[in-house]
Amino acid sequence: MDEDLIYEILSVVEEIPEGCVATYGQIAQLIGRPKNSRLVGKVLSMAEYYGEYPCHRVVNHAGRLVPGWVEQEELLLREGVAVKEDRHVDLKRYQWDC
């Protein structure tokens, strides 16, 4: 995987404001690769090797949190993002308007 692409994705993630979320597809769109939301997810799963990024602010197209990543909910709650009982975020309310 191209490191320039990795850092391009991570730089967009870094811009997501506290208290907001973005979707994988939204990030893919912002880097000019609208059909590569899975690629964004793959990069974010390895983000810890490239530094500290607010990956907890990224959810799927329906607002669902990452399955099995319990800390994501805690981090979002600390930033004021409400999480529904089904581990979803209300995108109409919290999605980053970039």
PDB file of N, CA and C in Angstrom:
ATOM      1  N   MET A   1       0.848  -1.185   0.000  1.00  0.00           N
ATOM      2  CA  MET A   1       0.000   0.000   0.000  1.00  0.00           C
ATOM      3  C   MET A   1       0.893   1.247   0.000  1.00  0.00           C
ATOM      4  N   ASP A   2       0.532   2.209  -0.770  1.00  0.00           N
ATOM      5  CA  ASP A   2       1.289   3.448  -0.955  1.00  0.00           C
ATOM      6  C   ASP A   2       1.224   4.324   0.302  1.00  0.00           C
ATOM      7  N   GLU A   3       2.374   4.662   0.860  1.00  0.00           N
ATOM      8  CA  GLU A   3       2.407   5.474   2.083  1.00  0.00           C
ATOM      9  C   GLU A   3       1.816   6.858   1.878  1.00  0.00           C
ATOM     10  N   ASP A   4       1.950   7.423   0.679  1.00  0.00           N
ATOM     11  CA  ASP A   4       1.349   8.735   0.411  1.00  0.00           C
ATOM     12  C   ASP A   4      -0.157   8.661   0.565  1.00  0.00           C
ATOM     13  N   LEU A   5      -0.751   7.581   0.064  1.00  0.00           N
ATOM     14  CA  LEU A   5      -2.197   7.388   0.183  1.00  0.00           C
ATOM     15  C   LEU A   5      -2.594   7.210   1.644  1.00  0.00           C
ATOM     16  N   ILE A   6      -1.811   6.453   2.378  1.00  0.00           N
ATOM     17  CA  ILE A   6      -2.092   6.235   3.798  1.00  0.00           C
ATOM     18  C   ILE A   6      -2.125   7.572   4.532  1.00  0.00           C
ATOM     19  N   TYR A   7      -1.100   8.386   4.315  1.00  0.00           N
ATOM     20  CA  TYR A   7      -1.044   9.675   5.007  1.00  0.00           C
ATOM     21  C   TYR A   7      -2.099  10.654   4.500  1.00  0.00           C
ATOM     22  N   GLU A   8      -2.524  10.498   3.257  1.00  0.00           N
ATOM     23  CA  GLU A   8      -3.613  11.339   2.741  1.00  0.00           C
ATOM     24  C   GLU A   8      -4.914  11.030   3.489  1.00  0.00           C
ATOM     25  N   ILE A   9      -5.178   9.752   3.682  1.00  0.00           N
ATOM     26  CA  ILE A   9      -6.368   9.326   4.433  1.00  0.00           C
ATOM     27  C   ILE A   9      -6.274   9.795   5.878  1.00  0.00           C
ATOM     28  N   LEU A  10      -5.133   9.562   6.497  1.00  0.00           N
ATOM     29  CA  LEU A  10      -4.971   9.929   7.905  1.00  0.00           C
ATOM     30  C   LEU A  10      -5.020  11.441   8.118  1.00  0.00           C
ATOM     31  N   SER A  11      -4.588  12.206   7.142  1.00  0.00           N
ATOM     32  CA  SER A  11      -4.657  13.664   7.293  1.00  0.00           C
ATOM     33  C   SER A  11      -6.098  14.151   7.261  1.00  0.00           C
ATOM     34  N   VAL A  12      -6.957  13.478   6.509  1.00  0.00           N
ATOM     35  CA  VAL A  12      -8.382  13.824   6.513  1.00  0.00           C
ATOM     36  C   VAL A  12      -8.986  13.446   7.861  1.00  0.00           C
ATOM     37  N   VAL A  13      -8.655  12.269   8.365  1.00  0.00           N
ATOM     38  CA  VAL A  13      -9.166  11.824   9.662  1.00  0.00           C
ATOM     39  C   VAL A  13      -8.754  12.807  10.751  1.00  0.00           C
ATOM     40  N   GLU A  14      -7.542  13.308  10.657  1.00  0.00           N
ATOM     41  CA  GLU A  14      -7.026  14.248  11.629  1.00  0.00           C
ATOM     42  C   GLU A  14      -7.834  15.553  11.665  1.00  0.00           C
ATOM     43  N   GLU A  15      -8.500  15.875  10.575  1.00  0.00           N
ATOM     44  CA  GLU A  15      -9.274  17.114  10.487  1.00  0.00           C
ATOM     45  C   GLU A  15     -10.699  16.997  11.030  1.00  0.00           C
ATOM     46  N   ILE A  16     -11.159  15.783  11.320  1.00  0.00           N
ATOM     47  CA  ILE A  16     -12.519  15.613  11.838  1.00  0.00           C
ATOM     48  C   ILE A  16     -12.580  16.284  13.205  1.00  0.00           C
ATOM     49  N   PRO A  17     -13.468  17.270  13.361  1.00  0.00           N
ATOM     50  CA  PRO A  17     -13.516  17.994  14.640  1.00  0.00           C
ATOM     51  C   PRO A  17     -14.026  17.129  15.794  1.00  0.00           C
ATOM     52  N   GLU A  18     -13.577  17.459  16.980  1.00  0.00           N
ATOM     53  CA  GLU A  18     -14.059  16.800  18.190  1.00  0.00           C
ATOM     54  C   GLU A  18     -15.574  16.992  18.259  1.00  0.00           C
ATOM     55  N   GLY A  19     -16.288  15.932  18.625  1.00  0.00           N
ATOM     56  CA  GLY A  19     -17.737  16.005  18.728  1.00  0.00           C
ATOM     57  C   GLY A  19     -18.455  15.706  17.423  1.00  0.00           C
ATOM     58  N   CYS A  20     -17.699  15.333  16.391  1.00  0.00           N
ATOM     59  CA  CYS A  20     -18.273  14.988  15.085  1.00  0.00           C
ATOM     60  C   CYS A  20     -17.760  13.621  14.656  1.00  0.00           C
ATOM     61  N   VAL A  21     -18.459  13.026  13.700  1.00  0.00           N
ATOM     62  CA  VAL A  21     -18.002  11.778  13.094  1.00  0.00           C
ATOM     63  C   VAL A  21     -18.031  11.934  11.579  1.00  0.00           C
ATOM     64  N   ALA A  22     -17.275  11.090  10.904  1.00  0.00           N
ATOM     65  CA  ALA A  22     -17.285  11.012   9.449  1.00  0.00           C
ATOM     66  C   ALA A  22     -17.467   9.544   9.087  1.00  0.00           C
ATOM     67  N   THR A  23     -17.885   9.283   7.880  1.00  0.00           N
ATOM     68  CA  THR A  23     -18.025   7.902   7.427  1.00  0.00           C
ATOM     69  C   THR A  23     -16.817   7.528   6.568  1.00  0.00           C
ATOM     70  N   TYR A  24     -16.615   6.229   6.417  1.00  0.00           N
ATOM     71  CA  TYR A  24     -15.528   5.742   5.557  1.00  0.00           C
ATOM     72  C   TYR A  24     -15.713   6.283   4.136  1.00  0.00           C
ATOM     73  N   GLY A  25     -16.958   6.246   3.663  1.00  0.00           N
ATOM     74  CA  GLY A  25     -17.255   6.736   2.324  1.00  0.00           C
ATOM     75  C   GLY A  25     -17.006   8.224   2.178  1.00  0.00           C
ATOM     76  N   GLN A  26     -17.307   8.966   3.204  1.00  0.00           N
ATOM     77  CA  GLN A  26     -17.086  10.417   3.191  1.00  0.00           C
ATOM     78  C   GLN A  26     -15.588  10.705   3.050  1.00  0.00           C
ATOM     79  N   ILE A  27     -14.771   9.974   3.764  1.00  0.00           N
ATOM     80  CA  ILE A  27     -13.328  10.157   3.678  1.00  0.00           C
ATOM     81  C   ILE A  27     -12.826   9.756   2.293  1.00  0.00           C
ATOM     82  N   ALA A  28     -13.337   8.639   1.783  1.00  0.00           N
ATOM     83  CA  ALA A  28     -12.953   8.200   0.436  1.00  0.00           C
ATOM     84  C   ALA A  28     -13.300   9.281  -0.592  1.00  0.00           C
ATOM     85  N   GLN A  29     -14.456   9.880  -0.437  1.00  0.00           N
ATOM     86  CA  GLN A  29     -14.888  10.954  -1.345  1.00  0.00           C
ATOM     87  C   GLN A  29     -13.935  12.144  -1.249  1.00  0.00           C
ATOM     88  N   LEU A  30     -13.551  12.501  -0.038  1.00  0.00           N
ATOM     89  CA  LEU A  30     -12.684  13.661   0.175  1.00  0.00           C
ATOM     90  C   LEU A  30     -11.285  13.490  -0.428  1.00  0.00           C
ATOM     91  N   ILE A  31     -10.823  12.254  -0.547  1.00  0.00           N
ATOM     92  CA  ILE A  31      -9.504  12.030  -1.150  1.00  0.00           C
ATOM     93  C   ILE A  31      -9.609  11.721  -2.641  1.00  0.00           C
ATOM     94  N   GLY A  32     -10.821  11.855  -3.183  1.00  0.00           N
ATOM     95  CA  GLY A  32     -10.998  11.638  -4.614  1.00  0.00           C
ATOM     96  C   GLY A  32     -11.097  10.188  -5.036  1.00  0.00           C
ATOM     97  N   ARG A  33     -11.450   9.302  -4.100  1.00  0.00           N
ATOM     98  CA  ARG A  33     -11.593   7.870  -4.391  1.00  0.00           C
ATOM     99  C   ARG A  33     -12.940   7.389  -3.861  1.00  0.00           C
ATOM    100  N   PRO A  34     -14.027   7.871  -4.436  1.00  0.00           N
ATOM    101  CA  PRO A  34     -15.360   7.614  -3.881  1.00  0.00           C
ATOM    102  C   PRO A  34     -15.760   6.144  -3.751  1.00  0.00           C
ATOM    103  N   LYS A  35     -15.114   5.258  -4.468  1.00  0.00           N
ATOM    104  CA  LYS A  35     -15.475   3.842  -4.402  1.00  0.00           C
ATOM    105  C   LYS A  35     -14.550   3.036  -3.482  1.00  0.00           C
ATOM    106  N   ASN A  36     -13.719   3.731  -2.715  1.00  0.00           N
ATOM    107  CA  ASN A  36     -12.726   3.040  -1.903  1.00  0.00           C
ATOM    108  C   ASN A  36     -12.934   3.171  -0.400  1.00  0.00           C
ATOM    109  N   SER A  37     -14.175   3.084   0.062  1.00  0.00           N
ATOM    110  CA  SER A  37     -14.419   3.189   1.500  1.00  0.00           C
ATOM    111  C   SER A  37     -13.801   2.021   2.267  1.00  0.00           C
ATOM    112  N   ARG A  38     -13.739   0.850   1.664  1.00  0.00           N
ATOM    113  CA  ARG A  38     -13.107  -0.297   2.333  1.00  0.00           C
ATOM    114  C   ARG A  38     -11.608  -0.076   2.501  1.00  0.00           C
ATOM    115  N   LEU A  39     -11.004   0.574   1.529  1.00  0.00           N
ATOM    116  CA  LEU A  39      -9.594   0.908   1.624  1.00  0.00           C
ATOM    117  C   LEU A  39      -9.355   1.842   2.813  1.00  0.00           C
ATOM    118  N   VAL A  40     -10.263   2.795   2.991  1.00  0.00           N
ATOM    119  CA  VAL A  40     -10.165   3.712   4.139  1.00  0.00           C
ATOM    120  C   VAL A  40     -10.216   2.902   5.433  1.00  0.00           C
ATOM    121  N   GLY A  41     -11.139   1.969   5.525  1.00  0.00           N
ATOM    122  CA  GLY A  41     -11.237   1.118   6.710  1.00  0.00           C
ATOM    123  C   GLY A  41      -9.969   0.318   6.954  1.00  0.00           C
ATOM    124  N   LYS A  42      -9.391  -0.201   5.899  1.00  0.00           N
ATOM    125  CA  LYS A  42      -8.142  -0.980   6.013  1.00  0.00           C
ATOM    126  C   LYS A  42      -7.021  -0.099   6.561  1.00  0.00           C
ATOM    127  N   VAL A  43      -6.899   1.117   6.015  1.00  0.00           N
ATOM    128  CA  VAL A  43      -5.861   2.038   6.484  1.00  0.00           C
ATOM    129  C   VAL A  43      -6.080   2.377   7.955  1.00  0.00           C
ATOM    130  N   LEU A  44      -7.321   2.648   8.333  1.00  0.00           N
ATOM    131  CA  LEU A  44      -7.599   3.015   9.728  1.00  0.00           C
ATOM    132  C   LEU A  44      -7.316   1.868  10.687  1.00  0.00           C
ATOM    133  N   SER A  45      -7.474   0.644  10.212  1.00  0.00           N
ATOM    134  CA  SER A  45      -7.179  -0.503  11.086  1.00  0.00           C
ATOM    135  C   SER A  45      -5.687  -0.611  11.394  1.00  0.00           C
ATOM    136  N   MET A  46      -4.851   0.056  10.584  1.00  0.00           N
ATOM    137  CA  MET A  46      -3.396   0.036  10.790  1.00  0.00           C
ATOM    138  C   MET A  46      -2.859   1.392  11.242  1.00  0.00           C
ATOM    139  N   ALA A  47      -3.731   2.329  11.532  1.00  0.00           N
ATOM    140  CA  ALA A  47      -3.328   3.712  11.821  1.00  0.00           C
ATOM    141  C   ALA A  47      -2.364   3.827  12.998  1.00  0.00           C
ATOM    142  N   GLU A  48      -2.471   2.951  13.960  1.00  0.00           N
ATOM    143  CA  GLU A  48      -1.608   3.030  15.143  1.00  0.00           C
ATOM    144  C   GLU A  48      -0.121   2.937  14.787  1.00  0.00           C
ATOM    145  N   TYR A  49       0.199   2.366  13.636  1.00  0.00           N
ATOM    146  CA  TYR A  49       1.598   2.244  13.207  1.00  0.00           C
ATOM    147  C   TYR A  49       2.137   3.541  12.608  1.00  0.00           C
ATOM    148  N   TYR A  50       1.257   4.513  12.395  1.00  0.00           N
ATOM    149  CA  TYR A  50       1.643   5.763  11.741  1.00  0.00           C
ATOM    150  C   TYR A  50       1.524   6.979  12.656  1.00  0.00           C
ATOM    151  N   GLY A  51       1.100   6.765  13.877  1.00  0.00           N
ATOM    152  CA  GLY A  51       0.956   7.875  14.813  1.00  0.00           C
ATOM    153  C   GLY A  51      -0.404   7.833  15.489  1.00  0.00           C
ATOM    154  N   GLU A  52      -0.749   8.932  16.139  1.00  0.00           N
ATOM    155  CA  GLU A  52      -2.035   9.012  16.832  1.00  0.00           C
ATOM    156  C   GLU A  52      -3.018   9.821  16.009  1.00  0.00           C
ATOM    157  N   TYR A  53      -4.105   9.194  15.659  1.00  0.00           N
ATOM    158  CA  TYR A  53      -5.147   9.838  14.858  1.00  0.00           C
ATOM    159  C   TYR A  53      -6.496   9.539  15.501  1.00  0.00           C
ATOM    160  N   PRO A  54      -7.467  10.446  15.363  1.00  0.00           N
ATOM    161  CA  PRO A  54      -8.782  10.237  15.988  1.00  0.00           C
ATOM    162  C   PRO A  54      -9.672   9.293  15.170  1.00  0.00           C
ATOM    163  N   CYS A  55      -9.202   8.073  14.982  1.00  0.00           N
ATOM    164  CA  CYS A  55      -9.941   7.091  14.180  1.00  0.00           C
ATOM    165  C   CYS A  55     -11.290   6.731  14.801  1.00  0.00           C
ATOM    166  N   HIS A  56     -11.432   6.984  16.100  1.00  0.00           N
ATOM    167  CA  HIS A  56     -12.699   6.685  16.768  1.00  0.00           C
ATOM    168  C   HIS A  56     -13.837   7.552  16.214  1.00  0.00           C
ATOM    169  N   ARG A  57     -13.507   8.600  15.480  1.00  0.00           N
ATOM    170  CA  ARG A  57     -14.517   9.493  14.906  1.00  0.00           C
ATOM    171  C   ARG A  57     -15.021   9.021  13.546  1.00  0.00           C
ATOM    172  N   VAL A  58     -14.635   7.826  13.136  1.00  0.00           N
ATOM    173  CA  VAL A  58     -15.060   7.301  11.837  1.00  0.00           C
ATOM    174  C   VAL A  58     -16.000   6.122  12.064  1.00  0.00           C
ATOM    175  N   VAL A  59     -17.159   6.177  11.388  1.00  0.00           N
ATOM    176  CA  VAL A  59     -18.196   5.149  11.506  1.00  0.00           C
ATOM    177  C   VAL A  59     -18.613   4.702  10.099  1.00  0.00           C
ATOM    178  N   ASN A  60     -19.438   3.673  10.024  1.00  0.00           N
ATOM    179  CA  ASN A  60     -19.867   3.244   8.696  1.00  0.00           C
ATOM    180  C   ASN A  60     -20.998   4.134   8.170  1.00  0.00           C
ATOM    181  N   HIS A  61     -21.477   3.831   6.974  1.00  0.00           N
ATOM    182  CA  HIS A  61     -22.471   4.682   6.301  1.00  0.00           C
ATOM    183  C   HIS A  61     -23.785   4.828   7.066  1.00  0.00           C
ATOM    184  N   ALA A  62     -24.052   3.898   7.968  1.00  0.00           N
ATOM    185  CA  ALA A  62     -25.283   3.952   8.762  1.00  0.00           C
ATOM    186  C   ALA A  62     -25.037   4.527  10.158  1.00  0.00           C
ATOM    187  N   GLY A  63     -23.797   4.905  10.439  1.00  0.00           N
ATOM    188  CA  GLY A  63     -23.469   5.449  11.756  1.00  0.00           C
ATOM    189  C   GLY A  63     -23.056   4.408  12.771  1.00  0.00           C
ATOM    190  N   ARG A  64     -22.880   3.165  12.315  1.00  0.00           N
ATOM    191  CA  ARG A  64     -22.524   2.078  13.232  1.00  0.00           C
ATOM    192  C   ARG A  64     -21.058   2.152  13.634  1.00  0.00           C
ATOM    193  N   LEU A  65     -20.808   1.892  14.912  1.00  0.00           N
ATOM    194  CA  LEU A  65     -19.454   1.856  15.435  1.00  0.00           C
ATOM    195  C   LEU A  65     -18.764   0.560  15.014  1.00  0.00           C
ATOM    196  N   VAL A  66     -17.461   0.517  15.148  1.00  0.00           N
ATOM    197  CA  VAL A  66     -16.678  -0.655  14.776  1.00  0.00           C
ATOM    198  C   VAL A  66     -17.002  -1.807  15.736  1.00  0.00           C
ATOM    199  N   PRO A  67     -17.459  -2.946  15.196  1.00  0.00           N
ATOM    200  CA  PRO A  67     -17.755  -4.090  16.065  1.00  0.00           C
ATOM    201  C   PRO A  67     -16.503  -4.536  16.824  1.00  0.00           C
ATOM    202  N   GLY A  68     -16.650  -4.766  18.108  1.00  0.00           N
ATOM    203  CA  GLY A  68     -15.549  -5.265  18.917  1.00  0.00           C
ATOM    204  C   GLY A  68     -14.605  -4.206  19.464  1.00  0.00           C
ATOM    205  N   TRP A  69     -14.776  -2.958  19.055  1.00  0.00           N
ATOM    206  CA  TRP A  69     -13.902  -1.880  19.561  1.00  0.00           C
ATOM    207  C   TRP A  69     -14.692  -1.098  20.607  1.00  0.00           C
ATOM    208  N   VAL A  70     -14.664  -1.578  21.837  1.00  0.00           N
ATOM    209  CA  VAL A  70     -15.454  -1.017  22.924  1.00  0.00           C
ATOM    210  C   VAL A  70     -15.032   0.419  23.257  1.00  0.00           C
ATOM    211  N   GLU A  71     -13.740   0.693  23.160  1.00  0.00           N
ATOM    212  CA  GLU A  71     -13.223   2.015  23.506  1.00  0.00           C
ATOM    213  C   GLU A  71     -13.761   3.115  22.589  1.00  0.00           C
ATOM    214  N   GLN A  72     -14.171   2.755  21.379  1.00  0.00           N
ATOM    215  CA  GLN A  72     -14.670   3.767  20.453  1.00  0.00           C
ATOM    216  C   GLN A  72     -15.868   4.501  21.049  1.00  0.00           C
ATOM    217  N   GLU A  73     -16.783   3.764  21.614  1.00  0.00           N
ATOM    218  CA  GLU A  73     -17.962   4.380  22.222  1.00  0.00           C
ATOM    219  C   GLU A  73     -17.556   5.303  23.371  1.00  0.00           C
ATOM    220  N   GLU A  74     -16.655   4.856  24.226  1.00  0.00           N
ATOM    221  CA  GLU A  74     -16.200   5.664  25.356  1.00  0.00           C
ATOM    222  C   GLU A  74     -15.568   6.971  24.881  1.00  0.00           C
ATOM    223  N   LEU A  75     -14.732   6.887  23.860  1.00  0.00           N
ATOM    224  CA  LEU A  75     -14.060   8.079  23.330  1.00  0.00           C
ATOM    225  C   LEU A  75     -15.063   9.066  22.741  1.00  0.00           C
ATOM    226  N   LEU A  76     -16.048   8.557  22.019  1.00  0.00           N
ATOM    227  CA  LEU A  76     -17.065   9.437  21.434  1.00  0.00           C
ATOM    228  C   LEU A  76     -17.922  10.084  22.519  1.00  0.00           C
ATOM    229  N   LEU A  77     -18.282   9.317  23.532  1.00  0.00           N
ATOM    230  CA  LEU A  77     -19.087   9.862  24.623  1.00  0.00           C
ATOM    231  C   LEU A  77     -18.340  10.997  25.332  1.00  0.00           C
ATOM    232  N   ARG A  78     -17.035  10.840  25.525  1.00  0.00           N
ATOM    233  CA  ARG A  78     -16.228  11.892  26.154  1.00  0.00           C
ATOM    234  C   ARG A  78     -16.232  13.185  25.342  1.00  0.00           C
ATOM    235  N   GLU A  79     -16.423  13.052  24.033  1.00  0.00           N
ATOM    236  CA  GLU A  79     -16.444  14.224  23.153  1.00  0.00           C
ATOM    237  C   GLU A  79     -17.852  14.784  22.971  1.00  0.00           C
ATOM    238  N   GLY A  80     -18.826  14.183  23.642  1.00  0.00           N
ATOM    239  CA  GLY A  80     -20.186  14.690  23.563  1.00  0.00           C
ATOM    240  C   GLY A  80     -21.036  14.088  22.467  1.00  0.00           C
ATOM    241  N   VAL A  81     -20.555  13.022  21.840  1.00  0.00           N
ATOM    242  CA  VAL A  81     -21.321  12.347  20.789  1.00  0.00           C
ATOM    243  C   VAL A  81     -22.171  11.258  21.443  1.00  0.00           C
ATOM    244  N   ALA A  82     -23.481  11.392  21.322  1.00  0.00           N
ATOM    245  CA  ALA A  82     -24.388  10.394  21.895  1.00  0.00           C
ATOM    246  C   ALA A  82     -24.366   9.133  21.039  1.00  0.00           C
ATOM    247  N   VAL A  83     -24.360   7.986  21.706  1.00  0.00           N
ATOM    248  CA  VAL A  83     -24.378   6.700  21.015  1.00  0.00           C
ATOM    249  C   VAL A  83     -25.647   5.976  21.427  1.00  0.00           C
ATOM    250  N   LYS A  84     -26.412   5.553  20.440  1.00  0.00           N
ATOM    251  CA  LYS A  84     -27.664   4.841  20.715  1.00  0.00           C
ATOM    252  C   LYS A  84     -27.361   3.444  21.262  1.00  0.00           C
ATOM    253  N   GLU A  85     -28.370   2.820  21.835  1.00  0.00           N
ATOM    254  CA  GLU A  85     -28.205   1.489  22.434  1.00  0.00           C
ATOM    255  C   GLU A  85     -27.693   0.451  21.441  1.00  0.00           C
ATOM    256  N   ASP A  86     -28.003   0.639  20.161  1.00  0.00           N
ATOM    257  CA  ASP A  86     -27.563  -0.329  19.160  1.00  0.00           C
ATOM    258  C   ASP A  86     -26.177   0.006  18.591  1.00  0.00           C
ATOM    259  N   ARG A  87     -25.413   0.837  19.342  1.00  0.00           N
ATOM    260  CA  ARG A  87     -24.048   1.242  18.973  1.00  0.00           C
ATOM    261  C   ARG A  87     -24.003   1.959  17.627  1.00  0.00           C
ATOM    262  N   HIS A  88     -24.965   2.866  17.457  1.00  0.00           N
ATOM    263  CA  HIS A  88     -25.022   3.724  16.278  1.00  0.00           C
ATOM    264  C   HIS A  88     -24.985   5.181  16.716  1.00  0.00           C
ATOM    265  N   VAL A  89     -24.494   6.022  15.829  1.00  0.00           N
ATOM    266  CA  VAL A  89     -24.462   7.460  16.034  1.00  0.00           C
ATOM    267  C   VAL A  89     -25.478   8.079  15.083  1.00  0.00           C
ATOM    268  N   ASP A  90     -26.184   9.098  15.523  1.00  0.00           N
ATOM    269  CA  ASP A  90     -27.139   9.811  14.669  1.00  0.00           C
ATOM    270  C   ASP A  90     -26.344  10.698  13.702  1.00  0.00           C
ATOM    271  N   LEU A  91     -26.230  10.260  12.462  1.00  0.00           N
ATOM    272  CA  LEU A  91     -25.441  10.997  11.481  1.00  0.00           C
ATOM    273  C   LEU A  91     -26.030  12.364  11.159  1.00  0.00           C
ATOM    274  N   LYS A  92     -27.345  12.482  11.217  1.00  0.00           N
ATOM    275  CA  LYS A  92     -27.954  13.792  10.946  1.00  0.00           C
ATOM    276  C   LYS A  92     -27.503  14.826  11.974  1.00  0.00           C
ATOM    277  N   ARG A  93     -27.226  14.360  13.154  1.00  0.00           N
ATOM    278  CA  ARG A  93     -26.845  15.272  14.230  1.00  0.00           C
ATOM    279  C   ARG A  93     -25.326  15.464  14.357  1.00  0.00           C
ATOM    280  N   TYR A  94     -24.554  14.398  14.137  1.00  0.00           N
ATOM    281  CA  TYR A  94     -23.136  14.443  14.449  1.00  0.00           C
ATOM    282  C   TYR A  94     -22.180  14.353  13.250  1.00  0.00           C
ATOM    283  N   GLN A  95     -22.712  14.131  12.038  1.00  0.00           N
ATOM    284  CA  GLN A  95     -21.793  13.977  10.901  1.00  0.00           C
ATOM    285  C   GLN A  95     -21.083  15.288  10.571  1.00  0.00           C
ATOM    286  N   TRP A  96     -19.803  15.166  10.351  1.00  0.00           N
ATOM    287  CA  TRP A  96     -18.935  16.288  10.010  1.00  0.00           C
ATOM    288  C   TRP A  96     -19.407  16.921   8.705  1.00  0.00           C
ATOM    289  N   ASP A  97     -19.649  18.209   8.742  1.00  0.00           N
ATOM    290  CA  ASP A  97     -20.075  18.947   7.544  1.00  0.00           C
ATOM    291  C   ASP A  97     -18.830  19.600   6.954  1.00  0.00           C
ATOM    292  N   CYS A  98     -18.142  18.845   6.104  1.00  0.00           N
ATOM    293  CA  CYS A  98     -16.874  19.354   5.561  1.00  0.00           C
ATOM    294  C   CYS A  98     -17.033  19.947   4.169  1.00  0.00           C
TER     295      CYS A  98
END
